[in-house]
Amino acid sequence: METFQSLLAKKLSDSLASAGFSDAGELTPATDPRFGDYQTNAALVLGKQRSEKPRIIAEKIVAHFDVNHLCEPPVVAGAGFINFTLRPDAIGKKTVEVLRDERLGIAEATSKKHIVIDFGSPNVAKPMHVGHVRSIVLGDALARVAEFLGHEVIRDNHIGDWGTQFGMVIYGWKNLLDQRALQRNPLAEIVRVYKETNERAASDPQVREACRQELVKLQAGDKENTDIWNECVAFSMQDFDHVYELLGVRYDIQCGESFYNDRLAGVVERLLKSGIAEVSEGAVVVFFRDIPELADRPCIIRKRDGGFNYATTDIATIDYRVNDLKADTVWYVVGAPQILHFKQIFEIARRQGYKADFRHITFGSILGEDRKLMKTRSGGNVPLRNLLEEACRRARKIIEEKNPDLSEEEKIGIAQKIGIGAVKYGDLSQYRMTDYVFSWEKMLSLQGNTAPYLQNAYVRVRSIFRKAGESAVATPLRGVDIGGQQIETGRRPVATALSLEDSAEINLAKRLCQFAEIVPQVLNDFRPNILANYLFELANGFHTFYEACPVLKSEEPARSSRLAICHLTARVLQRGLDFLGIKVPEKM
């Protein structure tokens, strides 16, 4: 299904050709609704190219523009912008098309990709902290949108389950472990013994050496150490899975760093043989002498002592994703501090001849009220599990105050949808590179740009249909007859257009039709905040419509027409929030 934007863009292209001009500029939603619904800067671009006055060019373009009942005659404004205002009858017809479409007008991508999305990536033997939430919810939202657009998506959780820290973990396990504490809270006890071992190793060379030997034994396949490692991984995964369940996030594969361990030596040998890497002062290194920003930043892929590092593992990971998973696109949803690392890794991949599209999708930090990295009162990282459970508790308290008559089961389910949704939306409504201050009060507010506000808009729509009865839910367009034209679908007639008269319902219907224009934009520069802002504006538009336009008390055909708009509003809110990984309750 074509959107208003694509239809107008085609007509603009035709009018440019008819006027003797080449395609130029963009056609975008108008920045100010007073000047119309869409606008183009084509005349300004052509004016600069041809050294001619843009307004004269704009007038020539407008003279050849075929309106064809889609919009009012285009208007030239300012220095040469061309503004387009949609006709209410065109909006009504398009709204019915969207309403009847299971995909709400969203077309699949014309060029399908095979995408591996690397997001989340916690470390074993450590609880996930609040900083992980940005990678998890951003990666999940991008995966949901990409999948809906028809791309083949593999969600990969690249778990940090290998490395030097396990020497300390295993030493602590053998010498400091409290078995009863392990039974009560496994991950907390593993963290405790690791921290205590780390402190001892810092001041005692013998402990430091003992930890190193435990790591050597693990890497050599020692059974006792491998068994301890497996237990640590299992305990960590239990904690991770609880967090993922709360967040409603799933992964298709979870290949930890250990998965690539037996491939690392081959990576180094292959890079040496191809001349991409070289030996330098006992280490194996990749230099980037021809790239100014990396010229003094070589990448070590094997240390002097023969050990491997993150770079080696990440190169092996690329090999696996391209060669085994057949990915032509790989997205890494990882914090901004890793920018240099991924520039090096992607350059090495290119030198190996990989043609895949590698993207590092960076994001900012979550701050406390002091505008510093969010920490606990003791100065430690805020555990993500605790944060999410606190969100549910706070949402439950609000529900108890607002709607105490709900059943216990309803309160639990609604509290989770509101609490988890609030945390997700609080993050995704920000531009991903923006640092933001975490605020319970703001996130859980029923006013403003928050998940509860959007969820409440959905609930308000559903309450209209509960009052109207099941027949209205099943056939929101029943009884609408515009000019006698109807299409039979099943047992009841569905009109080919809506009766739109009030400006509030026209604006809401128009906004609903633009959903299909917004969703694909999420993957342009990876910005779910574009969708979040659209949904906020949609909810605002619905509330304006709700106050201005009686629904159940209005006469036909307005009543059925308005029910149809309400029905579509609920569907778009539900689908849009689902793209963000947020569920909607039926009651609040």
Protein backbone atom coordinates (compact mmCIF):
# COMPACT_ATOMS: atom_id res chain seq x y z
CA MET A 1 0.00 0.00 0.00
CA GLU A 2 1.33 3.39 -0.96
CA THR A 3 1.49 6.14 1.63
CA PHE A 4 0.51 9.76 1.12
CA GLN A 5 4.20 10.63 1.13
CA SER A 6 5.07 8.13 -1.61
CA LEU A 7 2.06 9.12 -3.71
CA LEU A 8 2.92 12.82 -3.50
CA ALA A 9 6.58 12.07 -4.18
CA LYS A 10 5.64 10.29 -7.42
CA LYS A 11 3.39 13.15 -8.51
CA LEU A 12 6.18 15.59 -7.70
CA SER A 13 8.62 13.57 -9.79
CA ASP A 14 6.15 13.58 -12.69
CA SER A 15 5.60 17.34 -12.42
CA LEU A 16 9.36 17.99 -12.32
CA ALA A 17 9.81 15.95 -15.50
CA SER A 18 6.87 17.70 -17.20
CA ALA A 19 8.36 21.07 -16.28
CA GLY A 20 11.72 20.04 -17.74
CA PHE A 21 13.56 19.55 -14.44
CA SER A 22 15.41 16.60 -12.96
CA ASP A 23 14.41 15.07 -9.63
CA ALA A 24 15.71 17.16 -6.76
CA GLY A 25 15.15 17.88 -3.10
CA GLU A 26 12.97 15.97 -0.68
CA LEU A 27 9.28 15.66 0.03
CA THR A 28 8.76 15.54 3.79
CA PRO A 29 5.99 16.08 6.34
CA ALA A 30 5.46 19.81 6.88
CA THR A 31 7.33 21.25 9.84
CA ASP A 32 4.39 23.56 10.62
CA PRO A 33 0.83 22.27 10.05
CA ARG A 34 -0.36 25.81 9.33
CA PHE A 35 1.36 25.53 5.95
CA GLY A 36 -0.02 22.14 4.98
CA ASP A 37 0.70 18.46 5.44
CA TYR A 38 3.79 17.92 3.27
CA GLN A 39 6.38 20.17 1.68
CA THR A 40 9.30 20.01 -0.73
CA ASN A 41 12.47 22.05 -1.14
CA ALA A 42 12.94 20.86 -4.75
CA ALA A 43 12.73 24.39 -6.18
CA LEU A 44 15.38 25.68 -3.75
CA VAL A 45 17.77 22.86 -4.70
CA LEU A 46 17.16 23.40 -8.42
CA GLY A 47 17.49 27.16 -8.03
CA LYS A 48 20.93 26.75 -6.51
CA GLN A 49 21.97 24.27 -9.20
CA ARG A 50 20.72 26.43 -12.08
CA SER A 51 21.40 29.88 -10.58
CA GLU A 52 17.73 30.77 -11.02
CA LYS A 53 15.10 32.17 -8.66
CA PRO A 54 13.55 29.29 -6.68
CA ARG A 55 10.06 30.82 -6.60
CA ILE A 56 9.90 30.96 -10.40
CA ILE A 57 10.98 27.32 -10.58
CA ALA A 58 8.43 26.41 -7.90
CA GLU A 59 5.63 28.04 -9.86
CA LYS A 60 6.59 26.07 -12.98
CA ILE A 61 6.55 22.83 -10.95
CA VAL A 62 3.15 23.64 -9.43
CA ALA A 63 1.71 24.42 -12.87
CA HIS A 64 2.43 20.83 -13.95
CA PHE A 65 1.34 19.15 -10.71
CA ASP A 66 -1.59 16.75 -11.12
CA VAL A 67 -3.76 17.09 -7.99
CA ASN A 68 -6.10 14.21 -8.89
CA HIS A 69 -8.29 14.61 -5.77
CA LEU A 70 -5.34 13.73 -3.51
CA CYS A 71 -4.63 17.22 -2.26
CA GLU A 72 -5.54 20.84 -2.70
CA PRO A 73 -3.61 22.78 -5.38
CA PRO A 74 0.00 23.11 -4.12
CA VAL A 75 1.02 26.47 -2.70
CA VAL A 76 4.39 28.19 -3.17
CA ALA A 77 5.60 29.76 0.07
CA GLY A 78 8.60 31.68 1.35
CA ALA A 79 11.76 31.48 -0.71
CA GLY A 80 10.33 28.71 -2.87
CA PHE A 81 8.99 25.89 -0.71
CA ILE A 82 6.01 24.03 -2.17
CA ASN A 83 3.35 23.03 0.38
CA PHE A 84 0.74 20.29 -0.04
CA THR A 85 -2.52 19.99 1.90
CA LEU A 86 -4.38 16.68 1.75
CA ARG A 87 -8.09 16.67 0.96
CA PRO A 88 -10.41 15.31 3.71
CA ASP A 89 -12.04 12.84 1.32
CA ALA A 90 -8.61 11.46 0.35
CA ILE A 91 -7.73 11.11 4.03
CA GLY A 92 -11.01 9.27 4.64
CA LYS A 93 -10.43 6.80 1.82
CA LYS A 94 -6.82 6.15 2.85
CA THR A 95 -7.88 5.61 6.47
CA VAL A 96 -10.26 2.85 5.38
CA GLU A 97 -7.45 1.22 3.37
CA VAL A 98 -5.21 1.26 6.44
CA LEU A 99 -8.02 -0.02 8.66
CA ARG A 100 -8.63 -2.99 6.37
CA ASP A 101 -4.93 -3.85 6.11
CA GLU A 102 -3.44 -6.28 8.64
CA ARG A 103 -0.10 -4.47 8.31
CA LEU A 104 -1.70 -1.04 8.87
CA GLY A 105 -0.35 0.18 5.55
CA ILE A 106 3.29 -0.72 6.27
CA ALA A 107 4.95 -2.16 3.17
CA GLU A 108 7.72 -4.72 3.39
CA ALA A 109 11.22 -3.57 2.49
CA THR A 110 11.95 -3.83 -1.23
CA SER A 111 15.46 -5.11 -0.54
CA LYS A 112 15.53 -7.86 2.10
CA LYS A 113 18.58 -8.26 4.30
CA HIS A 114 19.94 -11.10 6.43
CA ILE A 115 20.76 -9.26 9.65
CA VAL A 116 22.58 -10.44 12.77
CA ILE A 117 21.93 -8.06 15.67
CA ASP A 118 24.41 -8.26 18.55
CA PHE A 119 22.84 -6.71 21.65
CA GLY A 120 22.73 -7.22 25.40
CA SER A 121 26.03 -9.07 25.85
CA PRO A 122 26.28 -9.39 29.66
CA ASN A 123 29.30 -10.82 31.47
CA VAL A 124 29.11 -14.11 33.34
CA ALA A 125 29.78 -13.96 37.10
CA LYS A 126 28.42 -10.42 37.20
CA PRO A 127 24.79 -9.29 37.47
CA MET A 128 23.49 -7.16 34.63
CA HIS A 129 23.35 -3.53 35.69
CA VAL A 130 21.22 -0.55 34.62
CA GLY A 131 23.66 0.32 31.83
CA HIS A 132 22.70 -2.90 30.01
CA VAL A 133 19.12 -1.76 29.53
CA ARG A 134 20.01 0.61 26.68
CA SER A 135 21.65 -2.08 24.59
CA ILE A 136 18.90 -4.61 25.31
CA VAL A 137 15.81 -2.49 24.62
CA LEU A 138 17.38 -0.67 21.65
CA GLY A 139 18.52 -3.91 20.03
CA ASP A 140 15.17 -5.57 20.68
CA ALA A 141 13.22 -2.66 19.14
CA LEU A 142 15.42 -2.62 16.03
CA ALA A 143 15.02 -6.38 15.67
CA ARG A 144 11.23 -6.14 15.96
CA VAL A 145 10.96 -3.42 13.32
CA ALA A 146 13.44 -5.07 10.94
CA GLU A 147 11.62 -8.37 11.20
CA PHE A 148 8.23 -6.76 10.49
CA LEU A 149 9.69 -5.05 7.43
CA GLY A 150 10.58 -8.48 6.06
CA HIS A 151 14.27 -8.76 6.87
CA GLU A 152 15.63 -12.07 8.17
CA VAL A 153 16.85 -11.32 11.68
CA ILE A 154 19.06 -13.31 14.05
CA ARG A 155 19.25 -11.94 17.59
CA ASP A 156 22.66 -12.83 19.05
CA ASN A 157 23.53 -12.48 22.74
CA HIS A 158 27.35 -12.37 22.72
CA ILE A 159 27.89 -13.33 26.36
CA GLY A 160 31.22 -12.59 28.08
CA ASP A 161 31.86 -16.05 29.49
CA TRP A 162 35.62 -16.34 29.01
CA GLY A 163 38.66 -14.35 30.02
CA THR A 164 41.14 -13.54 32.76
CA GLN A 165 38.50 -12.85 35.43
CA PHE A 166 37.74 -16.57 35.62
CA GLY A 167 41.11 -17.27 37.16
CA MET A 168 40.04 -15.14 40.12
CA VAL A 169 36.52 -16.59 40.17
CA ILE A 170 37.83 -20.16 40.29
CA TYR A 171 40.45 -19.33 42.95
CA GLY A 172 37.74 -17.66 45.04
CA TRP A 173 35.39 -20.60 44.49
CA LYS A 174 37.99 -23.04 45.80
CA ASN A 175 39.21 -20.95 48.75
CA LEU A 176 36.50 -18.47 49.81
CA LEU A 177 33.12 -19.88 48.80
CA ASP A 178 30.24 -20.00 51.31
CA GLN A 179 28.03 -22.87 50.13
CA ARG A 180 24.98 -21.71 52.05
CA ALA A 181 25.30 -18.22 50.59
CA LEU A 182 25.65 -19.81 47.15
CA GLN A 183 22.36 -21.62 47.63
CA ARG A 184 20.56 -18.45 48.78
CA ASN A 185 21.83 -16.12 46.05
CA PRO A 186 24.28 -17.77 43.66
CA LEU A 187 25.27 -14.73 41.61
CA ALA A 188 25.76 -12.50 44.64
CA GLU A 189 28.09 -15.06 46.22
CA ILE A 190 30.10 -15.46 42.99
CA VAL A 191 30.50 -11.69 42.79
CA ARG A 192 31.58 -11.58 46.44
CA VAL A 193 34.32 -14.19 46.06
CA TYR A 194 35.54 -12.53 42.86
CA LYS A 195 35.80 -9.12 44.52
CA GLU A 196 37.54 -10.51 47.60
CA THR A 197 39.99 -12.45 45.43
CA ASN A 198 40.67 -9.37 43.33
CA GLU A 199 41.47 -7.37 46.47
CA ARG A 200 43.82 -10.08 47.75
CA ALA A 201 45.55 -10.43 44.38
CA ALA A 202 46.21 -6.69 44.27
CA SER A 203 48.38 -6.90 47.40
CA ASP A 204 49.60 -10.50 47.41
CA PRO A 205 51.77 -11.74 44.49
CA GLN A 206 51.22 -15.36 45.54
CA VAL A 207 47.43 -15.03 45.21
CA ARG A 208 47.90 -13.26 41.89
CA GLU A 209 50.05 -16.12 40.60
CA ALA A 210 47.61 -18.72 41.93
CA CYS A 211 44.79 -17.03 40.00
CA ARG A 212 46.90 -17.07 36.85
CA GLN A 213 47.55 -20.80 37.28
CA GLU A 214 43.82 -21.49 37.73
CA LEU A 215 43.16 -19.67 34.45
CA VAL A 216 45.88 -21.67 32.67
CA LYS A 217 44.31 -24.90 33.93
CA LEU A 218 40.87 -23.79 32.72
CA GLN A 219 42.20 -22.91 29.29
CA ALA A 220 43.95 -26.29 29.15
CA GLY A 221 40.66 -28.07 29.81
CA ASP A 222 41.20 -29.12 33.44
CA LYS A 223 38.03 -30.99 34.52
CA GLU A 224 37.66 -29.48 37.99
CA ASN A 225 38.07 -25.92 36.74
CA THR A 226 35.83 -26.56 33.75
CA ASP A 227 33.11 -27.89 36.08
CA ILE A 228 33.36 -24.76 38.25
CA TRP A 229 33.21 -22.57 35.14
CA ASN A 230 30.12 -24.42 33.91
CA GLU A 231 28.38 -23.89 37.25
CA CYS A 232 29.19 -20.17 37.17
CA VAL A 233 27.81 -19.89 33.66
CA ALA A 234 24.63 -21.78 34.60
CA PHE A 235 23.98 -19.59 37.66
CA SER A 236 24.53 -16.44 35.61
CA MET A 237 22.25 -17.59 32.82
CA GLN A 238 19.45 -18.22 35.32
CA ASP A 239 19.71 -14.61 36.45
CA PHE A 240 19.95 -13.33 32.87
CA ASP A 241 16.91 -15.34 31.80
CA HIS A 242 14.84 -13.85 34.61
CA VAL A 243 15.71 -10.35 33.41
CA TYR A 244 14.96 -11.23 29.78
CA GLU A 245 11.60 -12.70 30.83
CA LEU A 246 10.71 -9.49 32.67
CA LEU A 247 11.72 -7.44 29.63
CA GLY A 248 9.96 -9.74 27.17
CA VAL A 249 13.17 -10.09 25.17
CA ARG A 250 14.26 -13.24 23.34
CA TYR A 251 17.43 -14.30 21.55
CA ASP A 252 17.80 -16.70 18.65
CA ILE A 253 21.34 -17.68 19.58
CA GLN A 254 23.51 -17.05 22.64
CA CYS A 255 27.09 -17.69 21.55
CA GLY A 256 29.41 -16.69 24.35
CA GLU A 257 33.08 -15.83 23.88
CA SER A 258 33.92 -19.44 24.84
CA PHE A 259 32.14 -20.61 21.68
CA TYR A 260 34.93 -19.06 19.61
CA ASN A 261 37.84 -20.15 21.78
CA ASP A 262 39.03 -23.00 19.56
CA ARG A 263 38.91 -20.73 16.48
CA LEU A 264 41.27 -18.03 17.76
CA ALA A 265 44.59 -19.65 16.81
CA GLY A 266 43.30 -20.14 13.27
CA VAL A 267 42.26 -16.48 13.06
CA VAL A 268 45.78 -15.33 13.95
CA GLU A 269 47.47 -17.74 11.56
CA ARG A 270 45.17 -16.73 8.70
CA LEU A 271 45.78 -13.01 9.25
CA LEU A 272 49.54 -13.59 9.42
CA LYS A 273 49.53 -15.67 6.26
CA SER A 274 47.49 -13.08 4.34
CA GLY A 275 49.80 -10.26 5.44
CA ILE A 276 47.01 -8.42 7.24
CA ALA A 277 48.79 -9.00 10.57
CA GLU A 278 52.47 -9.03 11.42
CA VAL A 279 54.69 -9.86 14.36
CA SER A 280 55.81 -6.80 16.32
CA GLU A 281 57.85 -6.99 19.53
CA GLY A 282 56.68 -10.54 20.15
CA ALA A 283 52.98 -9.80 19.65
CA VAL A 284 50.84 -10.30 16.55
CA VAL A 285 49.48 -6.94 15.46
CA VAL A 286 47.38 -5.37 12.70
CA PHE A 287 48.57 -1.88 11.74
CA PHE A 288 46.46 0.75 9.97
CA ARG A 289 49.20 2.96 8.58
CA ASP A 290 47.04 4.17 5.67
CA ILE A 291 44.15 5.34 7.87
CA PRO A 292 44.96 8.62 9.65
CA GLU A 293 42.59 8.18 12.59
CA LEU A 294 43.94 4.66 13.25
CA ALA A 295 47.55 5.15 12.20
CA ASP A 296 48.81 5.27 15.78
CA ARG A 297 46.26 2.74 17.09
CA PRO A 298 47.43 -0.78 16.13
CA CYS A 299 45.21 -3.72 17.04
CA ILE A 300 46.86 -6.58 18.99
CA ILE A 301 45.31 -9.95 18.17
CA ARG A 302 47.81 -12.14 20.04
CA LYS A 303 49.74 -10.94 23.06
CA ARG A 304 53.42 -11.54 23.71
CA ASP A 305 52.59 -14.35 26.14
CA GLY A 306 50.53 -16.11 23.44
CA GLY A 307 47.18 -15.10 24.90
CA PHE A 308 44.25 -13.84 22.86
CA ASN A 309 41.95 -10.90 23.57
CA TYR A 310 38.59 -9.34 22.71
CA ALA A 311 39.81 -8.31 19.26
CA THR A 312 40.70 -11.89 18.36
CA THR A 313 37.33 -13.13 19.55
CA ASP A 314 35.46 -10.42 17.66
CA ILE A 315 37.27 -11.26 14.42
CA ALA A 316 36.35 -14.92 14.89
CA THR A 317 32.77 -13.81 15.58
CA ILE A 318 32.63 -11.93 12.29
CA ASP A 319 33.93 -15.03 10.49
CA TYR A 320 31.13 -17.08 12.03
CA ARG A 321 28.37 -14.55 11.36
CA VAL A 322 29.32 -14.06 7.71
CA ASN A 323 30.43 -17.58 6.79
CA ASP A 324 28.17 -19.75 8.96
CA LEU A 325 25.12 -17.56 9.59
CA LYS A 326 25.33 -16.05 6.06
CA ALA A 327 24.72 -12.51 7.31
CA ASP A 328 25.03 -9.66 4.84
CA THR A 329 24.40 -7.11 7.58
CA VAL A 330 25.71 -7.09 11.17
CA TRP A 331 24.59 -4.55 13.77
CA TYR A 332 26.49 -4.16 17.04
CA VAL A 333 24.39 -2.40 19.68
CA VAL A 334 27.26 -1.49 21.97
CA GLY A 335 28.14 1.63 23.96
CA ALA A 336 30.08 4.57 22.52
CA PRO A 337 33.33 3.80 24.43
CA GLN A 338 33.89 0.90 22.00
CA ILE A 339 33.97 3.11 18.88
CA LEU A 340 37.72 2.72 18.30
CA HIS A 341 37.59 -1.04 18.86
CA PHE A 342 34.89 -1.56 16.24
CA LYS A 343 36.55 0.73 13.72
CA GLN A 344 39.58 -1.55 13.95
CA ILE A 345 37.56 -4.76 13.77
CA PHE A 346 35.47 -3.60 10.81
CA GLU A 347 38.59 -2.50 8.94
CA ILE A 348 40.17 -5.92 9.51
CA ALA A 349 36.97 -7.53 8.20
CA ARG A 350 37.13 -5.38 5.06
CA ARG A 351 40.77 -6.34 4.54
CA GLN A 352 39.72 -9.98 4.71
CA GLY A 353 37.35 -9.29 1.83
CA TYR A 354 34.04 -9.34 3.69
CA LYS A 355 31.37 -7.30 1.90
CA ALA A 356 28.80 -7.33 4.71
CA ASP A 357 27.46 -4.04 6.04
CA PHE A 358 28.92 -3.69 9.56
CA ARG A 359 27.36 -1.03 11.82
CA HIS A 360 28.27 -0.01 15.35
CA ILE A 361 25.06 1.36 16.88
CA THR A 362 26.21 3.47 19.81
CA PHE A 363 24.23 4.95 22.67
CA GLY A 364 24.67 7.31 25.60
CA SER A 365 24.50 6.78 29.36
CA ILE A 366 21.79 6.65 32.01
CA LEU A 367 22.40 9.26 34.70
CA GLY A 368 21.28 9.64 38.28
CA GLU A 369 19.72 12.78 39.69
CA ASP A 370 23.24 14.17 40.24
CA ARG A 371 23.72 13.92 36.44
CA LYS A 372 26.50 11.37 36.92
CA LEU A 373 26.41 7.70 35.93
CA MET A 374 23.55 6.07 37.82
CA LYS A 375 24.88 4.27 40.91
CA THR A 376 23.61 2.77 44.14
CA ARG A 377 24.04 4.73 47.39
CA SER A 378 27.17 2.69 48.10
CA GLY A 379 28.60 3.70 44.73
CA GLY A 380 28.07 0.38 42.93
CA ASN A 381 26.25 -0.32 39.69
CA VAL A 382 22.46 -0.56 39.98
CA PRO A 383 21.49 -4.21 39.23
CA LEU A 384 19.08 -4.31 36.29
CA ARG A 385 16.97 -7.02 37.90
CA ASN A 386 16.41 -4.85 40.99
CA LEU A 387 15.53 -1.86 38.82
CA LEU A 388 12.89 -3.77 36.85
CA GLU A 389 11.35 -5.32 39.96
CA GLU A 390 11.23 -1.86 41.55
CA ALA A 391 9.45 -0.55 38.44
CA CYS A 392 6.77 -3.21 38.85
CA ARG A 393 6.40 -2.44 42.57
CA ARG A 394 5.97 1.29 41.93
CA ALA A 395 3.46 0.65 39.14
CA ARG A 396 1.54 -1.70 41.45
CA LYS A 397 1.31 1.07 44.07
CA ILE A 398 -0.17 3.47 41.50
CA ILE A 399 -2.70 0.84 40.39
CA GLU A 400 -3.76 0.22 44.01
CA GLU A 401 -4.51 3.94 44.34
CA LYS A 402 -6.26 4.39 40.98
CA ASN A 403 -8.18 1.12 40.63
CA PRO A 404 -8.23 -0.90 43.89
CA ASP A 405 -11.14 -3.09 42.74
CA LEU A 406 -9.04 -5.00 40.21
CA SER A 407 -8.33 -8.65 40.98
CA GLU A 408 -4.93 -9.66 42.33
CA GLU A 409 -4.05 -11.34 39.02
CA GLU A 410 -5.02 -8.22 37.09
CA LYS A 411 -2.96 -5.99 39.36
CA ILE A 412 0.17 -8.13 38.90
CA GLY A 413 -0.19 -8.30 35.10
CA ILE A 414 -1.00 -4.61 34.65
CA ALA A 415 1.78 -3.53 37.02
CA GLN A 416 4.33 -5.45 34.97
CA LYS A 417 3.10 -4.00 31.68
CA ILE A 418 3.15 -0.46 33.07
CA GLY A 419 6.39 -0.73 35.05
CA ILE A 420 8.48 -2.47 32.40
CA GLY A 421 6.90 -0.35 29.68
CA ALA A 422 7.81 2.81 31.58
CA VAL A 423 11.49 1.84 31.80
CA LYS A 424 11.66 0.85 28.13
CA TYR A 425 9.87 3.92 26.85
CA GLY A 426 11.90 6.21 29.09
CA ASP A 427 14.95 4.96 27.22
CA LEU A 428 13.61 4.55 23.69
CA SER A 429 11.90 7.93 23.60
CA GLN A 430 15.36 9.53 23.84
CA TYR A 431 17.70 9.90 20.89
CA ARG A 432 20.04 6.97 21.45
CA MET A 433 23.18 9.11 21.80
CA THR A 434 21.58 11.35 24.44
CA ASP A 435 22.54 10.89 28.09
CA TYR A 436 19.36 11.10 30.16
CA VAL A 437 18.48 11.40 33.84
CA PHE A 438 16.58 8.41 35.19
CA SER A 439 13.41 9.60 36.98
CA TRP A 440 10.76 7.28 38.40
CA GLU A 441 8.32 10.17 38.75
CA LYS A 442 8.60 11.14 35.10
CA MET A 443 8.63 7.60 33.68
CA LEU A 444 5.52 6.47 35.56
CA SER A 445 3.53 9.66 35.04
CA LEU A 446 0.15 9.44 33.33
CA GLN A 447 0.88 12.84 31.79
CA GLY A 448 3.48 13.78 29.20
CA ASN A 449 5.61 11.70 26.87
CA THR A 450 5.57 8.44 28.84
CA ALA A 451 4.52 4.83 28.30
CA PRO A 452 1.68 5.04 30.89
CA TYR A 453 0.24 8.03 28.99
CA LEU A 454 0.22 6.03 25.74
CA GLN A 455 -1.09 2.91 27.46
CA ASN A 456 -3.85 4.99 29.03
CA ALA A 457 -4.82 6.31 25.59
CA TYR A 458 -5.19 2.70 24.42
CA VAL A 459 -7.25 1.82 27.51
CA ARG A 460 -9.52 4.81 26.90
CA VAL A 461 -10.20 3.60 23.35
CA ARG A 462 -10.97 0.09 24.57
CA SER A 463 -13.38 1.48 27.16
CA ILE A 464 -15.36 3.13 24.33
CA PHE A 465 -15.89 -0.25 22.70
CA ARG A 466 -16.79 -1.92 26.00
CA LYS A 467 -19.56 0.66 26.35
CA ALA A 468 -20.57 0.28 22.69
CA GLY A 469 -20.83 -3.50 22.83
CA GLU A 470 -19.28 -6.35 20.90
CA SER A 471 -20.98 -5.52 17.59
CA ALA A 472 -19.17 -2.20 17.45
CA VAL A 473 -15.87 -3.93 18.17
CA ALA A 474 -16.40 -6.42 15.36
CA THR A 475 -17.64 -3.95 12.76
CA PRO A 476 -16.35 -0.44 13.47
CA LEU A 477 -17.49 0.77 10.03
CA ARG A 478 -20.98 -0.75 10.10
CA GLY A 479 -23.58 1.64 8.78
CA VAL A 480 -21.20 4.06 7.06
CA ASP A 481 -22.27 4.74 3.51
CA ILE A 482 -20.40 7.46 1.62
CA GLY A 483 -22.19 8.14 -1.66
CA GLY A 484 -23.71 4.68 -1.65
CA GLN A 485 -20.31 3.04 -2.30
CA GLN A 486 -19.65 0.01 -0.11
CA ILE A 487 -17.54 -3.11 -0.23
CA GLU A 488 -18.86 -6.40 1.13
CA THR A 489 -16.47 -8.08 3.56
CA GLY A 490 -18.02 -11.05 5.28
CA ARG A 491 -21.53 -10.46 6.63
CA ARG A 492 -21.46 -6.68 7.04
CA PRO A 493 -20.72 -3.78 4.67
CA VAL A 494 -17.56 -1.74 5.14
CA ALA A 495 -17.44 1.69 3.56
CA THR A 496 -14.79 2.83 1.13
CA ALA A 497 -14.35 6.14 2.99
CA LEU A 498 -15.07 7.82 6.29
CA SER A 499 -17.25 10.77 7.16
CA LEU A 500 -14.64 13.33 8.29
CA GLU A 501 -15.87 16.81 9.10
CA ASP A 502 -14.41 18.05 12.38
CA SER A 503 -10.77 19.20 12.21
CA ALA A 504 -9.89 16.98 15.20
CA GLU A 505 -11.02 13.79 13.45
CA ILE A 506 -9.40 14.84 10.18
CA ASN A 507 -6.08 15.43 11.96
CA LEU A 508 -6.31 12.13 13.84
CA ALA A 509 -7.14 10.16 10.69
CA LYS A 510 -4.26 11.81 8.86
CA ARG A 511 -1.89 10.96 11.69
CA LEU A 512 -3.03 7.32 11.59
CA CYS A 513 -2.29 7.15 7.86
CA GLN A 514 1.26 8.37 8.53
CA PHE A 515 2.13 5.35 10.72
CA ALA A 516 3.32 3.49 7.61
CA GLU A 517 5.64 6.40 6.78
CA ILE A 518 7.19 6.49 10.26
CA VAL A 519 7.99 2.84 10.96
CA PRO A 520 10.57 2.30 8.15
CA GLN A 521 12.36 5.49 9.28
CA VAL A 522 13.27 3.78 12.57
CA LEU A 523 16.04 1.87 10.79
CA ASN A 524 17.44 5.06 9.24
CA ASP A 525 20.20 5.87 11.71
CA PHE A 526 18.59 3.42 14.15
CA ARG A 527 16.21 5.79 15.94
CA PRO A 528 13.23 4.23 17.74
CA ASN A 529 12.67 7.66 19.31
CA ILE A 530 11.10 8.72 15.99
CA LEU A 531 8.40 6.09 16.50
CA ALA A 532 8.02 6.96 20.19
CA ASN A 533 7.49 10.63 19.37
CA TYR A 534 4.97 9.73 16.66
CA LEU A 535 2.98 7.61 19.14
CA PHE A 536 3.01 10.46 21.66
CA GLU A 537 1.65 12.85 19.05
CA LEU A 538 -0.94 10.25 18.03
CA ALA A 539 -2.10 9.91 21.64
CA ASN A 540 -2.31 13.71 21.90
CA GLY A 541 -4.34 13.76 18.70
CA PHE A 542 -6.68 11.09 20.03
CA HIS A 543 -7.29 12.95 23.29
CA THR A 544 -8.06 16.13 21.33
CA PHE A 545 -10.46 14.14 19.14
CA TYR A 546 -12.02 12.47 22.19
CA GLU A 547 -12.78 15.83 23.81
CA ALA A 548 -14.03 17.50 20.61
CA CYS A 549 -15.95 14.71 18.90
CA PRO A 550 -18.64 12.67 20.70
CA VAL A 551 -18.42 9.06 19.57
CA LEU A 552 -21.24 6.92 20.98
CA LYS A 553 -23.68 9.83 21.28
CA SER A 554 -23.19 11.11 17.74
CA GLU A 555 -25.60 10.36 14.89
CA GLU A 556 -24.84 8.16 11.89
CA PRO A 557 -22.78 8.20 9.77
CA ALA A 558 -20.50 10.12 12.17
CA ARG A 559 -20.91 7.54 14.95
CA SER A 560 -19.63 4.56 12.95
CA SER A 561 -17.00 6.68 11.28
CA ARG A 562 -15.66 7.80 14.66
CA LEU A 563 -15.79 4.27 16.00
CA ALA A 564 -13.65 3.24 13.04
CA ILE A 565 -11.10 5.94 13.84
CA CYS A 566 -11.05 4.83 17.48
CA HIS A 567 -10.57 1.21 16.45
CA LEU A 568 -7.68 2.10 14.18
CA THR A 569 -6.12 4.30 16.88
CA ALA A 570 -6.07 1.36 19.28
CA ARG A 571 -4.49 -0.91 16.66
CA VAL A 572 -1.78 1.60 15.78
CA LEU A 573 -0.98 2.31 19.44
CA GLN A 574 -0.79 -1.40 20.20
CA ARG A 575 1.35 -2.20 17.17
CA GLY A 576 3.61 0.81 17.62
CA LEU A 577 4.24 0.06 21.29
CA ASP A 578 4.84 -3.59 20.41
CA PHE A 579 7.62 -2.47 18.05
CA LEU A 580 9.18 -0.87 21.14
CA GLY A 581 8.70 -4.07 23.12
CA ILE A 582 5.92 -2.54 25.25
CA LYS A 583 2.64 -4.30 26.04
CA VAL A 584 -0.72 -2.60 26.48
CA PRO A 585 -3.19 -3.44 29.26
CA GLU A 586 -6.94 -3.53 28.69
CA LYS A 587 -7.51 -1.76 32.01
CA MET A 588 -5.49 0.59 34.20
